[in-house]
Amino acid sequence: MASSSENIGNDHADLYNQLWHECAGLTIKVPQIGDRVFYFPQGHFEMDTDDTTIPTYHVPSKILCKVVDVELKVYPESDEVFAEIVLLQDSEEGEGATFRSVPQKIPANSFQKILTISDASTHGGCGLPKFYVEKTFPPLDASLDQASQDLVAKDLHGATWHFRHIYRGNPKRHMLVNGWNKFASEKKLKAGDTCIFIRGLGQNEIYIGIQRAVRMQKIPIDLDGSTMRHGVLLGASVAMETRCKFPVNYHPRMSGSPFIVSYDKVMEALKVNYLPEMGFEMLVDGGGDDPEHIPKKFSGIIIAKEDIDPARWPNSEWRCLKVHWDVTSRSYVLPFRVSPWDIRPLGLDVLHMQSSISVDRKRSMPFEPMIRNNPFSRTNENNQLDGLHGQGLTLSIANTGSSSRQHETNLAEGKQRQALSL
């Protein structure tokens, strides 16, 4: 697995950071060293396995932690990005902190291209959208009949690729040709995969990342897979008992809802009294063919609030809200369950809980994390997304019986009729 930006300059680290986040999804936020967060072992466990026979080892549904270290990484075979986050349980009272964002030093344009069958073949080239190429790539003299230039592309592993960029044909179009076939072959690109392009620092330099159309569903496990599946909860249990640091791997494109969340964001979300038919909106990554890959806002109503796993994690806030979306989308996969911090309730009559919110706290050893310069920052555009998190994934939902499903349908139809009558 490739580490993020060791032995490269700060400017290149900024570009690497931007590319990593755009591959992860623009609604995804990764905490920084020193941040106070809630870690939801239930969500982490859900990402790794569906095996409900594994004990919880008395690990609570959420644990208050401090972030000790963060590394942005990428799998060498699939180019799927993930973050390795080191946590330490924190039981201090007082104010929390939202995820901080360091302003990006290098303003870099970017765009994405969803690959067609022709783009992904090893016998042609990759066609590119004219407006975004001319906005992002090094300038090309389009007045020439055979306009072309050589580009040097860097990926998240630090590997260098050489492409020939041409603008020709009738009608004229931008394409990557020489060198593209080798890239498509070695990266095993398929139609539907997405390539993300960012302007680099050098005269003919760009950065390139990949989002797979078929996402990893579960972490690959070897012959000792049972031990690895136990490791998520057992590791958290041991860390709580011994007051030691523990690593957590966060795969943003596998997680239906973030399971490491800002302290302030969780506490604010849990003040709301979520009721059936309450409206909400949520930003969702992925889907669509917009080259700027801007997250899209979707709205819906809450159907019910109930535990997803009442036997193992009673009274858990993790994906406790069952929802119905106002629209359906083939490009965006919308979850049937969300966590309160994923959404923003609509209307001025949002009710707040009167009772206090309980947080699992244990006496902790004195600890001050080492705060160091962290090159992993969010882009300026991502700052605008604060408060609206969501990752589109098809999520399983507990079988509540036909009568419950009919009740949900009636609620949804009633909401739609009410909207039409206004």
Protein backbone atom coordinates (compact mmCIF):
# COMPACT_ATOMS: atom_id res chain seq x y z
CA MET A 1 0.00 0.00 0.00
CA ALA A 2 1.37 3.39 -0.96
CA SER A 3 1.79 6.06 1.71
CA SER A 4 0.56 9.53 0.95
CA SER A 5 3.25 12.11 0.34
CA GLU A 6 6.51 11.01 1.89
CA ASN A 7 9.64 12.56 0.42
CA ILE A 8 7.78 14.92 -1.89
CA GLY A 9 7.32 18.66 -1.65
CA ASN A 10 4.46 20.39 0.13
CA ASP A 11 2.94 21.60 -3.13
CA HIS A 12 2.89 18.10 -4.56
CA ALA A 13 1.43 16.91 -1.23
CA ASP A 14 -1.40 19.43 -1.60
CA LEU A 15 -2.19 18.08 -5.07
CA TYR A 16 -1.97 14.50 -3.84
CA ASN A 17 -4.33 15.41 -1.03
CA GLN A 18 -6.84 16.97 -3.42
CA LEU A 19 -6.70 13.96 -5.75
CA TRP A 20 -7.17 11.54 -2.83
CA HIS A 21 -10.24 13.41 -1.61
CA GLU A 22 -11.77 13.65 -5.06
CA CYS A 23 -11.30 9.91 -5.49
CA ALA A 24 -12.87 9.36 -2.06
CA GLY A 25 -15.83 11.68 -2.72
CA LEU A 26 -16.28 15.37 -2.06
CA THR A 27 -18.69 14.85 0.86
CA ILE A 28 -16.09 12.77 2.68
CA LYS A 29 -14.23 14.44 5.54
CA VAL A 30 -11.20 12.95 7.20
CA PRO A 31 -10.29 14.23 10.69
CA GLN A 32 -6.94 15.77 11.50
CA ILE A 33 -4.55 15.12 14.34
CA GLY A 34 -5.94 16.47 17.62
CA ASP A 35 -9.58 16.43 16.52
CA ARG A 36 -12.21 15.14 18.93
CA VAL A 37 -14.44 12.57 17.29
CA PHE A 38 -16.98 9.86 17.92
CA TYR A 39 -15.95 6.44 16.67
CA PHE A 40 -18.88 4.12 15.89
CA PRO A 41 -17.60 0.50 16.10
CA GLN A 42 -21.00 -0.73 14.95
CA GLY A 43 -20.56 1.07 11.63
CA HIS A 44 -16.96 -0.12 11.26
CA PHE A 45 -18.00 -3.70 11.95
CA GLU A 46 -20.90 -3.43 9.49
CA MET A 47 -18.47 -2.35 6.76
CA ASP A 48 -16.23 -5.37 7.32
CA THR A 49 -18.69 -8.24 7.67
CA ASP A 50 -22.33 -9.33 7.88
CA ASP A 51 -21.54 -12.06 10.44
CA THR A 52 -23.83 -11.36 13.40
CA THR A 53 -22.50 -14.38 15.33
CA ILE A 54 -19.35 -12.46 16.25
CA PRO A 55 -19.68 -11.06 19.80
CA THR A 56 -19.53 -7.33 20.47
CA TYR A 57 -17.06 -7.82 23.38
CA HIS A 58 -19.20 -5.29 25.30
CA VAL A 59 -18.04 -2.47 23.02
CA PRO A 60 -20.56 0.42 23.08
CA SER A 61 -22.12 1.75 19.90
CA LYS A 62 -20.04 4.94 20.07
CA ILE A 63 -16.74 5.89 21.72
CA LEU A 64 -15.43 9.40 22.27
CA CYS A 65 -11.85 9.62 20.97
CA LYS A 66 -9.01 11.92 20.05
CA VAL A 67 -7.26 11.58 16.71
CA VAL A 68 -3.57 10.72 17.19
CA ASP A 69 -2.47 10.17 13.59
CA VAL A 70 -3.85 10.17 10.04
CA GLU A 71 -2.46 8.71 6.82
CA LEU A 72 -4.16 8.79 3.43
CA LYS A 73 -3.45 5.61 1.49
CA VAL A 74 -4.44 3.67 -1.62
CA TYR A 75 -4.62 -0.03 -2.49
CA PRO A 76 -2.03 -0.93 -5.15
CA GLU A 77 -4.25 -3.33 -7.12
CA SER A 78 -7.61 -1.54 -7.17
CA ASP A 79 -6.62 2.12 -6.62
CA GLU A 80 -9.34 2.29 -3.94
CA VAL A 81 -8.46 4.98 -1.40
CA PHE A 82 -8.65 4.60 2.36
CA ALA A 83 -7.49 6.43 5.47
CA GLU A 84 -5.60 4.88 8.36
CA ILE A 85 -6.65 6.80 11.47
CA VAL A 86 -5.12 6.19 14.89
CA LEU A 87 -7.47 6.90 17.80
CA LEU A 88 -7.22 7.11 21.58
CA GLN A 89 -10.26 6.99 23.83
CA ASP A 90 -11.00 10.37 25.39
CA SER A 91 -13.23 10.96 28.38
CA GLU A 92 -12.54 14.63 28.99
CA GLU A 93 -15.48 16.95 29.47
CA GLY A 94 -15.66 20.19 27.59
CA GLU A 95 -15.95 21.54 24.12
CA GLY A 96 -15.45 19.42 21.04
CA ALA A 97 -14.17 20.43 17.65
CA THR A 98 -15.40 20.31 14.13
CA PHE A 99 -13.15 18.83 11.49
CA ARG A 100 -10.70 21.57 10.61
CA SER A 101 -9.74 22.29 7.04
CA VAL A 102 -6.40 23.72 6.01
CA PRO A 103 -6.81 26.03 3.00
CA GLN A 104 -5.37 24.53 -0.13
CA LYS A 105 -2.15 26.27 -1.17
CA ILE A 106 -2.26 25.26 -4.81
CA PRO A 107 -5.53 26.15 -6.60
CA ALA A 108 -5.92 23.24 -9.02
CA ASN A 109 -8.66 22.74 -11.58
CA SER A 110 -10.04 19.26 -12.03
CA PHE A 111 -12.68 17.26 -13.88
CA GLN A 112 -13.80 13.67 -14.19
CA LYS A 113 -14.51 11.44 -17.17
CA ILE A 114 -16.72 8.35 -16.95
CA LEU A 115 -15.12 5.91 -19.35
CA THR A 116 -17.00 4.50 -22.32
CA ILE A 117 -16.34 1.08 -23.85
CA SER A 118 -14.08 2.78 -26.39
CA ASP A 119 -12.19 4.70 -23.68
CA ALA A 120 -11.54 1.53 -21.68
CA SER A 121 -10.38 -0.54 -24.65
CA THR A 122 -6.69 -1.10 -25.24
CA HIS A 123 -6.88 -0.29 -28.94
CA GLY A 124 -7.87 3.37 -29.04
CA GLY A 125 -7.73 6.47 -26.90
CA CYS A 126 -9.74 8.38 -24.34
CA GLY A 127 -12.08 11.13 -25.49
CA LEU A 128 -12.27 14.18 -23.20
CA PRO A 129 -14.84 17.00 -22.75
CA LYS A 130 -13.62 20.13 -24.57
CA PHE A 131 -14.64 22.78 -22.02
CA TYR A 132 -13.02 21.07 -19.04
CA VAL A 133 -9.88 20.01 -20.87
CA GLU A 134 -9.23 23.59 -21.92
CA LYS A 135 -9.90 24.74 -18.36
CA THR A 136 -7.69 22.11 -16.69
CA PHE A 137 -4.97 20.82 -19.00
CA PRO A 138 -1.86 22.79 -20.03
CA PRO A 139 -2.81 25.11 -22.94
CA LEU A 140 -2.85 23.69 -26.44
CA ASP A 141 -2.86 25.74 -29.66
CA ALA A 142 -6.28 24.74 -30.94
CA SER A 143 -5.82 26.75 -34.14
CA LEU A 144 -3.40 24.15 -35.51
CA ASP A 145 -4.77 21.36 -37.67
CA GLN A 146 -2.64 18.78 -35.83
CA ALA A 147 -2.48 20.33 -32.35
CA SER A 148 -0.83 18.02 -29.83
CA GLN A 149 1.34 17.90 -26.71
CA ASP A 150 3.00 15.32 -24.47
CA LEU A 151 1.66 15.10 -20.91
CA VAL A 152 3.23 13.57 -17.82
CA ALA A 153 0.61 12.13 -15.46
CA LYS A 154 1.17 11.10 -11.84
CA ASP A 155 -1.14 8.74 -9.95
CA LEU A 156 -1.74 8.19 -6.23
CA HIS A 157 1.04 5.60 -6.07
CA GLY A 158 3.59 8.11 -7.33
CA ALA A 159 3.89 6.28 -10.67
CA THR A 160 4.44 8.35 -13.81
CA TRP A 161 2.50 7.83 -17.06
CA HIS A 162 3.12 9.49 -20.44
CA PHE A 163 0.18 10.46 -22.68
CA ARG A 164 -0.08 12.16 -26.04
CA HIS A 165 -2.82 14.80 -25.95
CA ILE A 166 -4.27 15.64 -29.37
CA TYR A 167 -7.00 17.94 -30.68
CA ARG A 168 -8.00 16.88 -34.15
CA GLY A 169 -10.61 15.10 -36.23
CA ASN A 170 -13.83 16.23 -37.87
CA PRO A 171 -15.36 17.55 -35.76
CA LYS A 172 -12.31 18.26 -33.64
CA ARG A 173 -12.12 16.58 -30.24
CA HIS A 174 -9.64 16.26 -27.41
CA MET A 175 -8.17 12.80 -26.88
CA LEU A 176 -5.41 11.04 -24.96
CA VAL A 177 -3.76 8.58 -27.32
CA ASN A 178 -0.14 7.32 -27.15
CA GLY A 179 0.39 5.87 -23.68
CA TRP A 180 -3.31 5.67 -22.83
CA ASN A 181 -3.63 2.04 -23.96
CA LYS A 182 -0.83 0.98 -21.59
CA PHE A 183 -2.48 2.88 -18.72
CA ALA A 184 -5.91 1.35 -19.43
CA SER A 185 -4.42 -2.13 -19.63
CA GLU A 186 -2.28 -2.00 -16.50
CA LYS A 187 -5.02 -0.35 -14.44
CA LYS A 188 -7.57 -2.87 -15.79
CA LEU A 189 -10.01 -0.08 -16.60
CA LYS A 190 -13.61 -1.00 -17.43
CA ALA A 191 -16.45 0.94 -19.02
CA GLY A 192 -18.15 2.89 -16.23
CA ASP A 193 -14.95 3.51 -14.27
CA THR A 194 -14.17 7.16 -13.69
CA CYS A 195 -10.85 8.93 -14.26
CA ILE A 196 -10.20 12.16 -12.36
CA PHE A 197 -7.78 14.67 -13.88
CA ILE A 198 -6.08 17.53 -11.96
CA ARG A 199 -3.69 20.14 -13.30
CA GLY A 200 -0.17 19.56 -12.01
CA LEU A 201 2.69 21.92 -11.16
CA GLY A 202 4.95 21.36 -14.14
CA GLN A 203 4.45 22.79 -17.60
CA ASN A 204 3.00 19.55 -19.00
CA GLU A 205 2.06 17.82 -15.76
CA ILE A 206 -1.29 16.43 -14.65
CA TYR A 207 -2.47 14.13 -11.86
CA ILE A 208 -4.80 11.21 -12.52
CA GLY A 209 -6.97 9.15 -10.16
CA ILE A 210 -9.48 6.33 -10.55
CA GLN A 211 -12.89 5.55 -9.11
CA ARG A 212 -14.09 2.04 -9.88
CA ALA A 213 -17.65 1.60 -11.10
CA VAL A 214 -17.90 -1.57 -9.01
CA ARG A 215 -17.01 -0.68 -5.46
CA MET A 216 -15.33 -3.00 -2.99
CA GLN A 217 -18.13 -4.52 -0.93
CA LYS A 218 -16.09 -6.10 1.86
CA ILE A 219 -12.43 -6.12 2.82
CA PRO A 220 -10.65 -9.10 1.24
CA ILE A 221 -9.80 -11.67 3.91
CA ASP A 222 -7.34 -14.54 3.90
CA LEU A 223 -7.47 -17.94 5.57
CA ASP A 224 -7.38 -16.23 8.96
CA GLY A 225 -10.41 -14.15 8.02
CA SER A 226 -12.37 -15.09 11.14
CA THR A 227 -9.66 -13.56 13.32
CA MET A 228 -9.67 -10.42 11.18
CA ARG A 229 -13.43 -10.07 11.45
CA HIS A 230 -13.19 -10.35 15.22
CA GLY A 231 -10.39 -7.77 15.19
CA VAL A 232 -12.56 -4.67 14.74
CA LEU A 233 -14.52 -5.14 17.94
CA LEU A 234 -11.88 -7.03 19.89
CA GLY A 235 -9.28 -4.36 19.11
CA ALA A 236 -11.61 -1.60 20.27
CA SER A 237 -12.41 -3.55 23.45
CA VAL A 238 -8.73 -4.07 24.31
CA ALA A 239 -7.93 -0.43 23.57
CA MET A 240 -10.67 0.73 25.94
CA GLU A 241 -9.47 -1.55 28.73
CA THR A 242 -5.78 -0.73 28.38
CA ARG A 243 -6.13 2.96 27.42
CA CYS A 244 -3.92 2.43 24.39
CA LYS A 245 -4.02 3.79 20.86
CA PHE A 246 -5.68 1.73 18.14
CA PRO A 247 -5.74 2.04 14.34
CA VAL A 248 -8.91 2.23 12.27
CA ASN A 249 -9.00 1.85 8.49
CA TYR A 250 -11.75 3.95 6.92
CA HIS A 251 -12.82 3.08 3.36
CA PRO A 252 -15.05 6.00 2.30
CA ARG A 253 -16.43 4.34 -0.84
CA MET A 254 -17.45 1.24 1.12
CA SER A 255 -19.07 2.98 4.06
CA GLY A 256 -22.73 3.90 3.76
CA SER A 257 -22.31 6.43 6.54
CA PRO A 258 -19.13 7.83 8.13
CA PHE A 259 -18.26 6.00 11.36
CA ILE A 260 -15.68 8.55 12.54
CA VAL A 261 -17.58 11.79 13.01
CA SER A 262 -16.85 15.18 14.54
CA TYR A 263 -17.87 15.47 18.20
CA ASP A 264 -19.76 18.71 17.61
CA LYS A 265 -21.56 17.33 14.58
CA VAL A 266 -22.86 14.28 16.44
CA MET A 267 -23.90 16.23 19.54
CA GLU A 268 -25.75 18.80 17.43
CA ALA A 269 -27.51 16.13 15.37
CA LEU A 270 -28.67 14.25 18.46
CA LYS A 271 -30.41 17.33 19.85
CA VAL A 272 -33.13 16.93 17.22
CA ASN A 273 -36.27 14.92 17.98
CA TYR A 274 -36.62 12.98 14.73
CA LEU A 275 -40.26 12.18 14.00
CA PRO A 276 -42.07 10.35 11.17
CA GLU A 277 -42.79 12.55 8.12
CA MET A 278 -40.09 15.04 9.10
CA GLY A 279 -38.43 16.40 5.95
CA PHE A 280 -34.68 16.40 5.43
CA GLU A 281 -32.02 16.87 2.76
CA MET A 282 -28.66 15.22 2.19
CA LEU A 283 -25.70 15.62 -0.14
CA VAL A 284 -24.76 12.47 -2.04
CA ASP A 285 -21.53 11.71 -3.86
CA GLY A 286 -21.20 9.77 -7.09
CA GLY A 287 -23.47 9.16 -10.01
CA GLY A 288 -24.28 11.31 -12.98
CA ASP A 289 -21.99 12.36 -15.81
CA ASP A 290 -21.16 15.87 -14.59
CA PRO A 291 -17.43 16.40 -15.28
CA GLU A 292 -17.18 18.64 -12.19
CA HIS A 293 -18.54 15.73 -10.07
CA ILE A 294 -20.34 18.11 -7.71
CA PRO A 295 -22.34 16.27 -5.00
CA LYS A 296 -26.08 16.44 -5.53
CA LYS A 297 -28.65 17.39 -2.91
CA PHE A 298 -31.58 15.00 -2.38
CA SER A 299 -34.60 15.44 -0.11
CA GLY A 300 -36.94 13.00 1.56
CA ILE A 301 -38.94 12.22 4.68
CA ILE A 302 -38.21 10.17 7.78
CA ILE A 303 -40.38 7.07 8.05
CA ALA A 304 -39.29 5.78 11.44
CA LYS A 305 -36.55 5.87 14.03
CA GLU A 306 -35.49 2.43 15.26
CA ASP A 307 -32.40 0.38 16.09
CA ILE A 308 -30.88 -1.47 13.18
CA ASP A 309 -29.54 -4.16 15.55
CA PRO A 310 -31.48 -3.90 18.84
CA ALA A 311 -30.16 -7.18 20.23
CA ARG A 312 -26.48 -6.29 19.92
CA TRP A 313 -26.49 -2.48 20.05
CA PRO A 314 -29.72 -1.24 21.68
CA ASN A 315 -30.44 2.50 21.55
CA SER A 316 -27.73 3.07 18.97
CA GLU A 317 -27.85 6.16 16.76
CA TRP A 318 -25.97 4.39 13.94
CA ARG A 319 -28.23 4.42 10.84
CA CYS A 320 -31.26 4.60 13.11
CA LEU A 321 -33.41 6.59 10.68
CA LYS A 322 -35.46 4.80 8.02
CA VAL A 323 -36.18 7.21 5.18
CA HIS A 324 -38.15 7.61 1.96
CA TRP A 325 -36.70 9.73 -0.84
CA ASP A 326 -38.79 12.22 -2.78
CA VAL A 327 -37.30 11.02 -6.07
CA THR A 328 -35.56 7.94 -7.37
CA SER A 329 -32.31 8.00 -9.29
CA ARG A 330 -30.53 5.48 -11.47
CA SER A 331 -27.25 7.36 -11.23
CA TYR A 332 -27.26 7.91 -7.45
CA VAL A 333 -27.87 4.97 -5.12
CA LEU A 334 -29.77 6.33 -2.12
CA PRO A 335 -29.68 4.46 1.22
CA PHE A 336 -32.81 3.25 2.98
CA ARG A 337 -31.27 4.07 6.35
CA VAL A 338 -29.18 7.07 7.40
CA SER A 339 -27.53 8.34 10.55
CA PRO A 340 -28.75 11.62 12.09
CA TRP A 341 -25.46 13.39 11.28
CA ASP A 342 -25.82 12.49 7.59
CA ILE A 343 -28.82 14.76 7.06
CA ARG A 344 -30.10 18.26 7.65
CA PRO A 345 -33.70 18.47 8.93
CA LEU A 346 -35.93 20.90 7.05
CA GLY A 347 -38.36 23.49 8.39
CA LEU A 348 -38.37 25.90 11.29
CA ASP A 349 -40.38 23.62 13.56
CA VAL A 350 -37.62 21.09 14.22
CA LEU A 351 -38.13 19.76 17.73
CA HIS A 352 -35.17 19.37 20.05
CA MET A 353 -34.71 16.69 22.66
CA GLN A 354 -35.17 17.83 26.25
CA SER A 355 -33.20 15.02 27.83
CA SER A 356 -29.42 15.01 27.95
CA ILE A 357 -27.39 12.90 25.55
CA SER A 358 -25.36 10.14 27.14
CA VAL A 359 -21.77 9.56 26.07
CA ASP A 360 -19.81 6.46 26.97
CA ARG A 361 -16.97 7.73 29.15
CA LYS A 362 -14.31 5.95 31.13
CA ARG A 363 -11.48 7.36 33.20
CA SER A 364 -8.56 7.94 30.90
CA MET A 365 -4.82 8.29 31.38
CA PRO A 366 -3.37 11.78 30.87
CA PHE A 367 -2.51 12.20 27.22
CA GLU A 368 -1.63 15.05 24.94
CA PRO A 369 -1.44 14.11 21.25
CA MET A 370 1.53 15.36 19.31
CA ILE A 371 0.17 18.00 16.93
CA ARG A 372 2.22 18.07 13.76
CA ASN A 373 1.88 19.68 10.38
CA ASN A 374 -0.54 17.55 8.43
CA PRO A 375 -0.43 17.86 4.64
CA PHE A 376 -3.77 16.12 4.32
CA SER A 377 -6.25 18.96 3.95
CA ARG A 378 -9.64 19.44 2.38
CA THR A 379 -10.12 21.57 -0.72
CA ASN A 380 -11.82 24.95 -0.44
CA GLU A 381 -14.86 23.60 -2.22
CA ASN A 382 -15.26 20.90 0.41
CA ASN A 383 -15.59 23.47 3.19
CA GLN A 384 -18.96 24.41 1.73
CA LEU A 385 -20.19 20.88 2.34
CA ASP A 386 -19.82 21.03 6.13
CA GLY A 387 -22.94 19.69 7.76
CA LEU A 388 -24.20 17.66 4.83
CA HIS A 389 -22.51 14.29 4.67
CA GLY A 390 -23.68 11.21 2.82
CA GLN A 391 -22.28 8.39 0.77
CA GLY A 392 -24.57 6.72 -1.72
CA LEU A 393 -24.50 2.96 -1.21
CA THR A 394 -27.10 0.24 -1.36
CA LEU A 395 -27.59 -0.68 2.30
CA SER A 396 -29.37 -3.66 3.78
CA ILE A 397 -32.49 -3.06 5.83
CA ALA A 398 -34.01 -5.22 8.53
CA ASN A 399 -37.16 -7.15 7.57
CA THR A 400 -39.95 -5.42 9.44
CA GLY A 401 -42.84 -7.35 7.98
CA SER A 402 -45.42 -6.59 5.33
CA SER A 403 -47.62 -4.47 7.60
CA SER A 404 -44.71 -2.16 8.40
CA ARG A 405 -43.81 -1.81 4.74
CA GLN A 406 -47.43 -0.94 3.91
CA HIS A 407 -47.42 1.70 6.65
CA GLU A 408 -44.24 3.21 5.16
CA THR A 409 -45.82 3.30 1.71
CA ASN A 410 -48.95 5.01 3.04
CA LEU A 411 -46.84 7.66 4.78
CA ALA A 412 -44.86 8.34 1.63
CA GLU A 413 -47.97 8.57 -0.57
CA GLY A 414 -49.63 10.89 1.93
CA LYS A 415 -46.59 13.19 1.89
CA GLN A 416 -46.62 13.33 -1.91
CA ARG A 417 -50.36 14.13 -2.06
CA GLN A 418 -49.84 16.89 0.50
CA ALA A 419 -47.04 18.40 -1.62
CA LEU A 420 -49.19 18.35 -4.77
CA SER A 421 -52.04 20.11 -3.05
CA LEU A 422 -49.86 23.07 -2.04
